[in-house]
Amino acid sequence: MPTAVAKKLGISLSSRKEEELFKWFLACLLFGKPIQQEIAERAYARLLSAGLRNPDKVLDAGWDELVRLLDEAHYVRYDFSTATKLLEVCQELKQRYGSMTKLMAHTKRGSELSARLQEIKHIGPVTARIFTREVAPIWYGSPKSLLRVAEQKLQTRKGAQ
């Protein structure tokens, strides 16, 4: 999934806001299934239009409502399992971290974020990779930018000696 997908979905990850992180997380949970991108995008839009923009709203919606919304988006092949997954993932996210921003605060790099995500039931390497690929450069910097910062610090130390 290219970088433009988050932007195409109207998600502003660079804002670093809780709602934007959760919206991307929700989209990644839908994109993590082997389903056409167009259907996953439609399901994401349908969930958002129903106001499901944080874990509490997803949990409040309940299984029947999630299935109905997914069916409306033609996400029918995985509607039951995805409704269950969304509820269980949101519950576990709340229990472990409280929020997406708190999860991010508990990690120092993309690989650690990916590992923590995969500790949550129903999140595998594909979903973790999709989420992390977009978020890590914003929260942790790209490897090249981190290298530049390290080189600048080294030069500053050498100059001070």
C-alpha atoms as a PDB file:
ATOM      1  CA  MET A   1       0.000   0.000   0.000  1.00  0.00           C
ATOM      2  CA  PRO A   2       1.765   3.195  -1.128  1.00  0.00           C
ATOM      3  CA  THR A   3       2.161   6.278   1.068  1.00  0.00           C
ATOM      4  CA  ALA A   4      -0.544   8.081  -0.870  1.00  0.00           C
ATOM      5  CA  VAL A   5      -3.228   5.755   0.527  1.00  0.00           C
ATOM      6  CA  ALA A   6      -3.404   7.422   3.951  1.00  0.00           C
ATOM      7  CA  LYS A   7      -3.698  10.805   2.233  1.00  0.00           C
ATOM      8  CA  LYS A   8      -6.254   9.410  -0.231  1.00  0.00           C
ATOM      9  CA  LEU A   9      -8.315   8.255   2.741  1.00  0.00           C
ATOM     10  CA  GLY A  10      -8.121  11.763   4.234  1.00  0.00           C
ATOM     11  CA  ILE A  11      -5.837  10.729   7.080  1.00  0.00           C
ATOM     12  CA  SER A  12      -3.268  13.265   8.257  1.00  0.00           C
ATOM     13  CA  LEU A  13      -0.624  11.168   9.994  1.00  0.00           C
ATOM     14  CA  SER A  14       1.775  14.120  10.134  1.00  0.00           C
ATOM     15  CA  SER A  15      -0.615  15.804  12.589  1.00  0.00           C
ATOM     16  CA  ARG A  16       0.345  13.077  15.095  1.00  0.00           C
ATOM     17  CA  LYS A  17      -3.180  13.325  16.536  1.00  0.00           C
ATOM     18  CA  GLU A  18      -4.852  10.396  18.264  1.00  0.00           C
ATOM     19  CA  GLU A  19      -7.856  10.348  15.925  1.00  0.00           C
ATOM     20  CA  GLU A  20      -5.655  10.306  12.819  1.00  0.00           C
ATOM     21  CA  LEU A  21      -3.510   7.468  14.203  1.00  0.00           C
ATOM     22  CA  PHE A  22      -6.587   5.447  15.059  1.00  0.00           C
ATOM     23  CA  LYS A  23      -8.148   6.066  11.648  1.00  0.00           C
ATOM     24  CA  TRP A  24      -4.976   4.737   9.995  1.00  0.00           C
ATOM     25  CA  PHE A  25      -4.951   1.775  12.396  1.00  0.00           C
ATOM     26  CA  LEU A  26      -8.580   1.020  11.517  1.00  0.00           C
ATOM     27  CA  ALA A  27      -7.798   1.227   7.797  1.00  0.00           C
ATOM     28  CA  CYS A  28      -4.812  -1.104   8.237  1.00  0.00           C
ATOM     29  CA  LEU A  29      -6.956  -3.657  10.050  1.00  0.00           C
ATOM     30  CA  LEU A  30      -9.242  -3.689   7.008  1.00  0.00           C
ATOM     31  CA  PHE A  31      -6.393  -3.714   4.464  1.00  0.00           C
ATOM     32  CA  GLY A  32      -4.690  -6.572   6.306  1.00  0.00           C
ATOM     33  CA  LYS A  33      -7.232  -9.070   4.957  1.00  0.00           C
ATOM     34  CA  PRO A  34      -6.817 -10.528   1.445  1.00  0.00           C
ATOM     35  CA  ILE A  35      -9.537  -8.364  -0.058  1.00  0.00           C
ATOM     36  CA  GLN A  36      -9.656  -5.863  -2.915  1.00  0.00           C
ATOM     37  CA  GLN A  37      -8.311  -2.448  -1.958  1.00  0.00           C
ATOM     38  CA  GLU A  38     -11.454  -0.748  -3.290  1.00  0.00           C
ATOM     39  CA  ILE A  39     -13.657  -2.823  -0.973  1.00  0.00           C
ATOM     40  CA  ALA A  40     -11.396  -2.181   2.027  1.00  0.00           C
ATOM     41  CA  GLU A  41     -11.477   1.560   1.266  1.00  0.00           C
ATOM     42  CA  ARG A  42     -15.263   1.469   1.000  1.00  0.00           C
ATOM     43  CA  ALA A  43     -15.523  -0.389   4.326  1.00  0.00           C
ATOM     44  CA  TYR A  44     -13.208   2.135   5.957  1.00  0.00           C
ATOM     45  CA  ALA A  45     -15.322   5.035   4.637  1.00  0.00           C
ATOM     46  CA  ARG A  46     -18.497   3.357   5.860  1.00  0.00           C
ATOM     47  CA  LEU A  47     -17.098   2.837   9.377  1.00  0.00           C
ATOM     48  CA  LEU A  48     -15.936   6.453   9.517  1.00  0.00           C
ATOM     49  CA  SER A  49     -19.268   7.785   8.295  1.00  0.00           C
ATOM     50  CA  ALA A  50     -20.860   5.878  11.195  1.00  0.00           C
ATOM     51  CA  GLY A  51     -18.577   7.818  13.571  1.00  0.00           C
ATOM     52  CA  LEU A  52     -16.231   4.956  14.477  1.00  0.00           C
ATOM     53  CA  ARG A  53     -13.143   7.125  14.977  1.00  0.00           C
ATOM     54  CA  ASN A  54     -11.775   5.686  18.232  1.00  0.00           C
ATOM     55  CA  PRO A  55     -11.757   2.354  20.081  1.00  0.00           C
ATOM     56  CA  ASP A  56     -14.656   3.344  22.353  1.00  0.00           C
ATOM     57  CA  LYS A  57     -16.902   4.100  19.372  1.00  0.00           C
ATOM     58  CA  VAL A  58     -16.040   0.763  17.762  1.00  0.00           C
ATOM     59  CA  LEU A  59     -16.776  -1.057  21.014  1.00  0.00           C
ATOM     60  CA  ASP A  60     -20.024   0.883  21.498  1.00  0.00           C
ATOM     61  CA  ALA A  61     -21.157  -0.046  17.981  1.00  0.00           C
ATOM     62  CA  GLY A  62     -21.041  -3.743  18.812  1.00  0.00           C
ATOM     63  CA  TRP A  63     -20.749  -6.808  16.636  1.00  0.00           C
ATOM     64  CA  ASP A  64     -24.133  -6.629  14.872  1.00  0.00           C
ATOM     65  CA  GLU A  65     -23.635  -3.001  13.833  1.00  0.00           C
ATOM     66  CA  LEU A  66     -20.101  -3.668  12.622  1.00  0.00           C
ATOM     67  CA  VAL A  67     -21.303  -6.584  10.507  1.00  0.00           C
ATOM     68  CA  ARG A  68     -24.085  -4.416   9.057  1.00  0.00           C
ATOM     69  CA  LEU A  69     -21.651  -1.621   8.166  1.00  0.00           C
ATOM     70  CA  LEU A  70     -19.153  -4.039   6.629  1.00  0.00           C
ATOM     71  CA  ASP A  71     -21.918  -5.700   4.609  1.00  0.00           C
ATOM     72  CA  GLU A  72     -23.048  -2.299   3.302  1.00  0.00           C
ATOM     73  CA  ALA A  73     -19.524  -1.795   2.001  1.00  0.00           C
ATOM     74  CA  HIS A  74     -19.553  -5.266   0.360  1.00  0.00           C
ATOM     75  CA  TYR A  75     -16.860  -6.480   2.785  1.00  0.00           C
ATOM     76  CA  VAL A  76     -19.039  -9.590   3.080  1.00  0.00           C
ATOM     77  CA  ARG A  77     -16.477 -12.363   2.728  1.00  0.00           C
ATOM     78  CA  TYR A  78     -14.882 -11.395   6.046  1.00  0.00           C
ATOM     79  CA  ASP A  79     -17.708  -9.496   7.740  1.00  0.00           C
ATOM     80  CA  PHE A  80     -18.175 -11.765  10.785  1.00  0.00           C
ATOM     81  CA  SER A  81     -14.481 -12.377  11.444  1.00  0.00           C
ATOM     82  CA  THR A  82     -13.602  -8.703  10.881  1.00  0.00           C
ATOM     83  CA  ALA A  83     -16.326  -7.499  13.252  1.00  0.00           C
ATOM     84  CA  THR A  84     -14.968  -9.841  15.916  1.00  0.00           C
ATOM     85  CA  LYS A  85     -11.409  -8.766  15.159  1.00  0.00           C
ATOM     86  CA  LEU A  86     -12.223  -5.043  15.390  1.00  0.00           C
ATOM     87  CA  LEU A  87     -13.914  -5.489  18.761  1.00  0.00           C
ATOM     88  CA  GLU A  88     -11.164  -7.650  20.237  1.00  0.00           C
ATOM     89  CA  VAL A  89      -8.327  -5.480  18.893  1.00  0.00           C
ATOM     90  CA  CYS A  90      -9.927  -2.273  20.200  1.00  0.00           C
ATOM     91  CA  GLN A  91     -10.505  -3.854  23.617  1.00  0.00           C
ATOM     92  CA  GLU A  92      -6.933  -5.102  23.844  1.00  0.00           C
ATOM     93  CA  LEU A  93      -5.499  -1.795  22.619  1.00  0.00           C
ATOM     94  CA  LYS A  94      -7.402   0.019  25.374  1.00  0.00           C
ATOM     95  CA  GLN A  95      -6.333  -2.497  28.038  1.00  0.00           C
ATOM     96  CA  ARG A  96      -2.651  -2.563  27.078  1.00  0.00           C
ATOM     97  CA  TYR A  97      -2.017   1.062  26.132  1.00  0.00           C
ATOM     98  CA  GLY A  98      -5.162   3.153  26.486  1.00  0.00           C
ATOM     99  CA  SER A  99      -4.691   4.830  23.106  1.00  0.00           C
ATOM    100  CA  MET A 100      -2.667   4.811  19.902  1.00  0.00           C
ATOM    101  CA  THR A 101      -0.537   7.765  21.021  1.00  0.00           C
ATOM    102  CA  LYS A 102       0.326   5.951  24.255  1.00  0.00           C
ATOM    103  CA  LEU A 103       1.298   2.883  22.239  1.00  0.00           C
ATOM    104  CA  MET A 104       3.537   5.112  20.122  1.00  0.00           C
ATOM    105  CA  ALA A 105       5.044   6.629  23.279  1.00  0.00           C
ATOM    106  CA  HIS A 106       5.995   3.119  24.461  1.00  0.00           C
ATOM    107  CA  THR A 107       8.101   2.465  21.367  1.00  0.00           C
ATOM    108  CA  LYS A 108      11.386   3.932  20.170  1.00  0.00           C
ATOM    109  CA  ARG A 109      11.570   2.627  16.576  1.00  0.00           C
ATOM    110  CA  GLY A 110       9.505   1.037  13.848  1.00  0.00           C
ATOM    111  CA  SER A 111      10.635  -2.533  14.509  1.00  0.00           C
ATOM    112  CA  GLU A 112       9.580  -2.243  18.140  1.00  0.00           C
ATOM    113  CA  LEU A 113       6.213  -0.800  17.099  1.00  0.00           C
ATOM    114  CA  SER A 114       5.676  -3.678  14.691  1.00  0.00           C
ATOM    115  CA  ALA A 115       6.502  -6.220  17.405  1.00  0.00           C
ATOM    116  CA  ARG A 116       4.144  -4.571  19.917  1.00  0.00           C
ATOM    117  CA  LEU A 117       1.330  -4.489  17.367  1.00  0.00           C
ATOM    118  CA  GLN A 118       1.813  -8.193  16.647  1.00  0.00           C
ATOM    119  CA  GLU A 119       1.438  -8.973  20.354  1.00  0.00           C
ATOM    120  CA  ILE A 120      -2.212  -7.942  19.963  1.00  0.00           C
ATOM    121  CA  LYS A 121      -4.456 -10.851  18.989  1.00  0.00           C
ATOM    122  CA  HIS A 122      -5.518 -10.708  15.301  1.00  0.00           C
ATOM    123  CA  ILE A 123      -2.639  -8.445  14.210  1.00  0.00           C
ATOM    124  CA  GLY A 124      -0.129 -10.207  12.042  1.00  0.00           C
ATOM    125  CA  PRO A 125       2.948  -9.114  10.129  1.00  0.00           C
ATOM    126  CA  VAL A 126       1.012  -7.744   7.127  1.00  0.00           C
ATOM    127  CA  THR A 127      -1.179  -5.393   9.165  1.00  0.00           C
ATOM    128  CA  ALA A 128       1.768  -4.363  11.358  1.00  0.00           C
ATOM    129  CA  ARG A 129       3.919  -3.689   8.281  1.00  0.00           C
ATOM    130  CA  ILE A 130       1.222  -1.588   6.573  1.00  0.00           C
ATOM    131  CA  PHE A 131       0.687   0.503   9.710  1.00  0.00           C
ATOM    132  CA  THR A 132       4.363   0.893  10.581  1.00  0.00           C
ATOM    133  CA  ARG A 133       5.487   1.758   7.049  1.00  0.00           C
ATOM    134  CA  GLU A 134       3.412   4.961   7.145  1.00  0.00           C
ATOM    135  CA  VAL A 135       3.793   5.896  10.804  1.00  0.00           C
ATOM    136  CA  ALA A 136       7.449   5.126  11.585  1.00  0.00           C
ATOM    137  CA  PRO A 137       9.000   7.879   9.418  1.00  0.00           C
ATOM    138  CA  ILE A 138       6.748  10.472  11.073  1.00  0.00           C
ATOM    139  CA  TRP A 139       7.238   9.298  14.656  1.00  0.00           C
ATOM    140  CA  TYR A 140      10.806   8.011  14.555  1.00  0.00           C
ATOM    141  CA  GLY A 141      12.291   9.677  11.479  1.00  0.00           C
ATOM    142  CA  SER A 142      13.623   7.921   8.426  1.00  0.00           C
ATOM    143  CA  PRO A 143      16.849   5.953   8.751  1.00  0.00           C
ATOM    144  CA  LYS A 144      18.618   8.575   6.585  1.00  0.00           C
ATOM    145  CA  SER A 145      17.427  11.489   8.734  1.00  0.00           C
ATOM    146  CA  LEU A 146      18.481   9.650  11.899  1.00  0.00           C
ATOM    147  CA  LEU A 147      21.913   9.054  10.394  1.00  0.00           C
ATOM    148  CA  ARG A 148      22.230  12.778   9.572  1.00  0.00           C
ATOM    149  CA  VAL A 149      21.291  13.715  13.151  1.00  0.00           C
ATOM    150  CA  ALA A 150      23.894  11.285  14.521  1.00  0.00           C
ATOM    151  CA  GLU A 151      26.549  12.665  12.161  1.00  0.00           C
ATOM    152  CA  GLN A 152      25.710  16.244  13.182  1.00  0.00           C
ATOM    153  CA  LYS A 153      26.012  15.341  16.862  1.00  0.00           C
ATOM    154  CA  LEU A 154      29.371  13.682  16.201  1.00  0.00           C
ATOM    155  CA  GLN A 155      30.629  16.761  14.327  1.00  0.00           C
ATOM    156  CA  THR A 156      29.433  19.033  17.143  1.00  0.00           C
ATOM    157  CA  ARG A 157      31.289  16.922  19.720  1.00  0.00           C
ATOM    158  CA  LYS A 158      34.463  16.927  17.637  1.00  0.00           C
ATOM    159  CA  GLY A 159      34.234  20.698  17.229  1.00  0.00           C
ATOM    160  CA  ALA A 160      33.840  21.179  20.990  1.00  0.00           C
ATOM    161  CA  GLN A 161      37.020  19.230  21.767  1.00  0.00           C
END
